[in-house]
Amino acid sequence: MLHRLLPIASLALLLGTSCSENASEPPAQATADVAPSEEEQGVVNEVLSQAQAEVDEQEAPGEPAPTVNLNTASKEQIQAGVPGIGDKMVHEFEEYRPYVSIAQFRKSMSKYVDASTIAEYERHVFVPVDPDACDAGTLGQLPGVTPAEAEALMAKRPFADRDAFLNALVEVVSEADYAGAKAMLTP
């Protein structure tokens, strides 16, 4: 709705008129020396501010999707995809394969590093998501999927096929998140 008000507010500011609630009233005669009142200027500024916040929210890039599949990535792929990881941790990642849930990954790695380090790893790695078999935490790895959305998606199980899940997913995530999430599903 704000995107429709923005041109009106901008025009009103330029013309020095108010945005009347009653569209049947003719606009005040525009003159170059008439400035908007403080109240009118406040309304225009508020609309402009809200519109800019809406645009910023839509254009703000989200967290990029993790790219390292914990079950299939090679040592080189893990090292290239996870900043600052050492050979020992790469070995530990490989040692506990296959991962069936993100909780399993967290529990296994908690033997070696603290929760904040694991959270940092999770920005780059993922356990492949089986839409019909994974838990809410594993489903929640998908970009843009909140815990509530993960539960809602789980309630729609079973999915007829991968496309049925993707159709449900596209309803809850942005286009950018959808592309990243799609790559995180089991084949």
Protein backbone atom coordinates (compact mmCIF):
# COMPACT_ATOMS: atom_id res chain seq x y z
CA MET A 1 0.00 0.00 0.00
CA LEU A 2 2.82 2.39 0.75
CA HIS A 3 4.12 2.07 -2.79
CA ARG A 4 0.84 3.59 -3.97
CA LEU A 5 1.01 6.44 -1.44
CA LEU A 6 4.57 7.43 -2.22
CA PRO A 7 3.82 9.17 -5.54
CA ILE A 8 0.86 10.98 -3.97
CA ALA A 9 2.90 12.13 -0.98
CA SER A 10 5.74 13.23 -3.24
CA LEU A 11 3.40 15.15 -5.50
CA ALA A 12 1.72 16.75 -2.51
CA LEU A 13 5.10 17.82 -1.17
CA LEU A 14 6.10 19.31 -4.50
CA LEU A 15 2.79 21.11 -4.96
CA GLY A 16 2.50 22.21 -1.36
CA THR A 17 -0.89 20.55 -0.94
CA SER A 18 -2.18 17.94 1.42
CA CYS A 19 -3.27 14.41 0.56
CA SER A 20 -6.97 14.82 1.14
CA GLU A 21 -9.01 11.87 2.39
CA ASN A 22 -11.89 13.12 0.25
CA ALA A 23 -10.89 12.58 -3.37
CA SER A 24 -13.85 14.62 -4.63
CA GLU A 25 -12.40 17.84 -3.27
CA PRO A 26 -10.40 19.71 -5.87
CA PRO A 27 -6.75 20.15 -4.99
CA ALA A 28 -5.65 23.50 -3.69
CA GLN A 29 -4.17 25.80 -6.29
CA ALA A 30 -0.47 25.10 -6.49
CA THR A 31 1.80 28.07 -6.17
CA ALA A 32 5.54 28.22 -6.03
CA ASP A 33 5.59 30.16 -2.76
CA VAL A 34 3.25 27.89 -0.73
CA ALA A 35 5.06 25.48 1.56
CA PRO A 36 3.37 22.54 3.25
CA SER A 37 2.34 23.01 6.85
CA GLU A 38 4.32 21.26 9.56
CA GLU A 39 1.56 18.69 9.89
CA GLU A 40 1.48 18.04 6.14
CA GLN A 41 5.26 17.83 6.02
CA GLY A 42 5.17 15.37 8.93
CA VAL A 43 2.67 13.13 7.12
CA VAL A 44 4.72 13.23 3.93
CA ASN A 45 7.94 12.46 5.81
CA GLU A 46 6.30 9.56 7.65
CA VAL A 47 4.98 8.05 4.40
CA LEU A 48 8.37 8.49 2.73
CA SER A 49 10.15 6.94 5.71
CA GLN A 50 7.81 3.94 5.81
CA ALA A 51 8.09 3.45 2.07
CA GLN A 52 11.90 3.54 2.23
CA ALA A 53 11.91 1.04 5.11
CA GLU A 54 9.69 -1.28 3.06
CA VAL A 55 12.00 -1.01 0.05
CA ASP A 56 15.10 -1.58 2.21
CA GLU A 57 13.52 -4.68 3.78
CA GLN A 58 12.66 -6.16 0.40
CA GLU A 59 16.09 -5.43 -1.09
CA ALA A 60 18.19 -6.37 1.93
CA PRO A 61 20.13 -9.51 1.20
CA GLY A 62 19.45 -12.29 3.65
CA GLU A 63 21.96 -14.69 5.04
CA PRO A 64 23.41 -16.67 2.13
CA ALA A 65 22.45 -20.33 2.00
CA PRO A 66 25.02 -22.81 3.29
CA THR A 67 26.88 -24.43 0.42
CA VAL A 68 28.84 -27.32 1.94
CA ASN A 69 26.89 -30.58 2.02
CA LEU A 70 28.14 -32.37 5.14
CA ASN A 71 27.40 -35.79 3.68
CA THR A 72 29.10 -35.41 0.29
CA ALA A 73 31.68 -32.60 0.44
CA SER A 74 35.31 -33.51 -0.08
CA LYS A 75 38.06 -32.33 2.26
CA GLU A 76 38.93 -29.63 -0.26
CA GLN A 77 35.31 -28.48 -0.57
CA ILE A 78 34.96 -28.24 3.21
CA GLN A 79 38.20 -26.26 3.53
CA ALA A 80 37.18 -23.93 0.70
CA GLY A 81 33.65 -23.45 2.03
CA VAL A 82 34.25 -23.07 5.77
CA PRO A 83 36.55 -20.15 6.65
CA GLY A 84 39.33 -20.91 9.09
CA ILE A 85 38.62 -24.62 9.49
CA GLY A 86 41.61 -26.83 10.22
CA ASP A 87 42.47 -30.32 9.07
CA LYS A 88 41.44 -31.85 12.41
CA MET A 89 37.92 -30.41 12.22
CA VAL A 90 37.56 -31.44 8.60
CA HIS A 91 38.45 -34.96 9.74
CA GLU A 92 35.80 -34.77 12.48
CA PHE A 93 33.18 -33.56 9.97
CA GLU A 94 33.97 -36.60 7.82
CA GLU A 95 34.21 -39.02 10.74
CA TYR A 96 30.54 -38.74 11.73
CA ARG A 97 29.01 -39.14 8.26
CA PRO A 98 26.31 -39.63 7.24
CA TYR A 99 24.45 -36.93 9.14
CA VAL A 100 20.70 -37.42 9.37
CA SER A 101 19.94 -34.20 11.26
CA ILE A 102 21.53 -30.90 12.15
CA ALA A 103 21.11 -31.92 15.82
CA GLN A 104 23.39 -34.90 15.19
CA PHE A 105 26.00 -32.58 13.67
CA ARG A 106 25.77 -30.22 16.66
CA LYS A 107 26.08 -33.04 19.18
CA SER A 108 29.05 -34.61 17.38
CA MET A 109 30.94 -31.33 16.99
CA SER A 110 30.21 -30.19 20.56
CA LYS A 111 32.85 -32.70 21.67
CA TYR A 112 35.46 -30.49 20.00
CA VAL A 113 34.22 -26.89 19.84
CA ASP A 114 31.76 -24.60 21.61
CA ALA A 115 28.24 -23.70 20.46
CA SER A 116 29.26 -20.37 18.91
CA THR A 117 31.85 -22.09 16.71
CA ILE A 118 29.27 -24.67 15.65
CA ALA A 119 26.84 -21.84 14.82
CA GLU A 120 29.54 -20.26 12.67
CA TYR A 121 30.10 -23.59 10.87
CA GLU A 122 26.36 -23.83 10.24
CA ARG A 123 26.50 -20.61 8.24
CA HIS A 124 28.48 -22.62 5.67
CA VAL A 125 27.45 -26.27 6.04
CA PHE A 126 24.17 -28.16 5.92
CA VAL A 127 22.72 -31.59 6.42
CA PRO A 128 20.73 -32.50 3.29
CA VAL A 129 17.02 -32.01 3.92
CA ASP A 130 14.60 -34.86 3.27
CA PRO A 131 11.24 -33.04 3.34
CA ASP A 132 9.31 -36.12 4.48
CA ALA A 133 11.76 -37.47 7.07
CA CYS A 134 13.74 -34.62 8.66
CA ASP A 135 13.06 -32.97 11.99
CA ALA A 136 12.07 -29.31 12.40
CA GLY A 137 15.64 -28.23 13.19
CA THR A 138 17.00 -29.77 10.01
CA LEU A 139 14.15 -28.29 7.96
CA GLY A 140 14.90 -24.97 9.65
CA GLN A 141 18.33 -24.92 8.00
CA LEU A 142 16.63 -23.90 4.77
CA PRO A 143 17.07 -20.17 4.17
CA GLY A 144 14.02 -18.17 5.18
CA VAL A 145 12.33 -21.03 7.08
CA THR A 146 11.45 -20.02 10.62
CA PRO A 147 10.72 -22.58 13.34
CA ALA A 148 6.98 -21.95 12.94
CA GLU A 149 7.21 -22.39 9.16
CA ALA A 150 9.20 -25.61 9.63
CA GLU A 151 6.41 -26.97 11.84
CA ALA A 152 3.77 -25.87 9.32
CA LEU A 153 5.65 -27.57 6.48
CA MET A 154 5.97 -30.74 8.55
CA ALA A 155 2.21 -30.71 9.14
CA LYS A 156 1.69 -30.98 5.37
CA ARG A 157 3.54 -34.30 5.15
CA PRO A 158 3.73 -36.54 3.31
CA PHE A 159 4.57 -34.68 0.12
CA ALA A 160 3.74 -36.46 -3.12
CA ASP A 161 7.20 -35.67 -4.45
CA ARG A 162 9.98 -33.10 -4.36
CA ASP A 163 7.96 -30.68 -6.49
CA ALA A 164 5.04 -30.81 -4.05
CA PHE A 165 7.39 -29.82 -1.24
CA LEU A 166 8.90 -27.03 -3.35
CA ASN A 167 5.39 -25.72 -4.09
CA ALA A 168 4.72 -25.56 -0.35
CA LEU A 169 8.12 -23.99 0.32
CA VAL A 170 7.75 -21.22 -2.25
CA GLU A 171 4.72 -19.99 -0.29
CA VAL A 172 6.82 -19.23 2.81
CA VAL A 173 10.22 -18.05 1.57
CA SER A 174 11.49 -15.31 -0.72
CA GLU A 175 12.62 -16.04 -4.27
CA ALA A 176 16.29 -15.70 -3.27
CA ASP A 177 15.84 -18.04 -0.29
CA TYR A 178 13.94 -20.51 -2.47
CA ALA A 179 16.88 -20.92 -4.84
CA GLY A 180 19.27 -21.60 -1.94
CA ALA A 181 16.85 -23.96 -0.21
CA LYS A 182 16.25 -25.98 -3.34
CA ALA A 183 19.95 -26.85 -3.50
CA MET A 184 19.87 -28.16 0.09
CA LEU A 185 17.31 -30.91 -0.49
CA THR A 186 18.14 -34.58 -0.77
CA PRO A 187 18.18 -35.79 -4.37
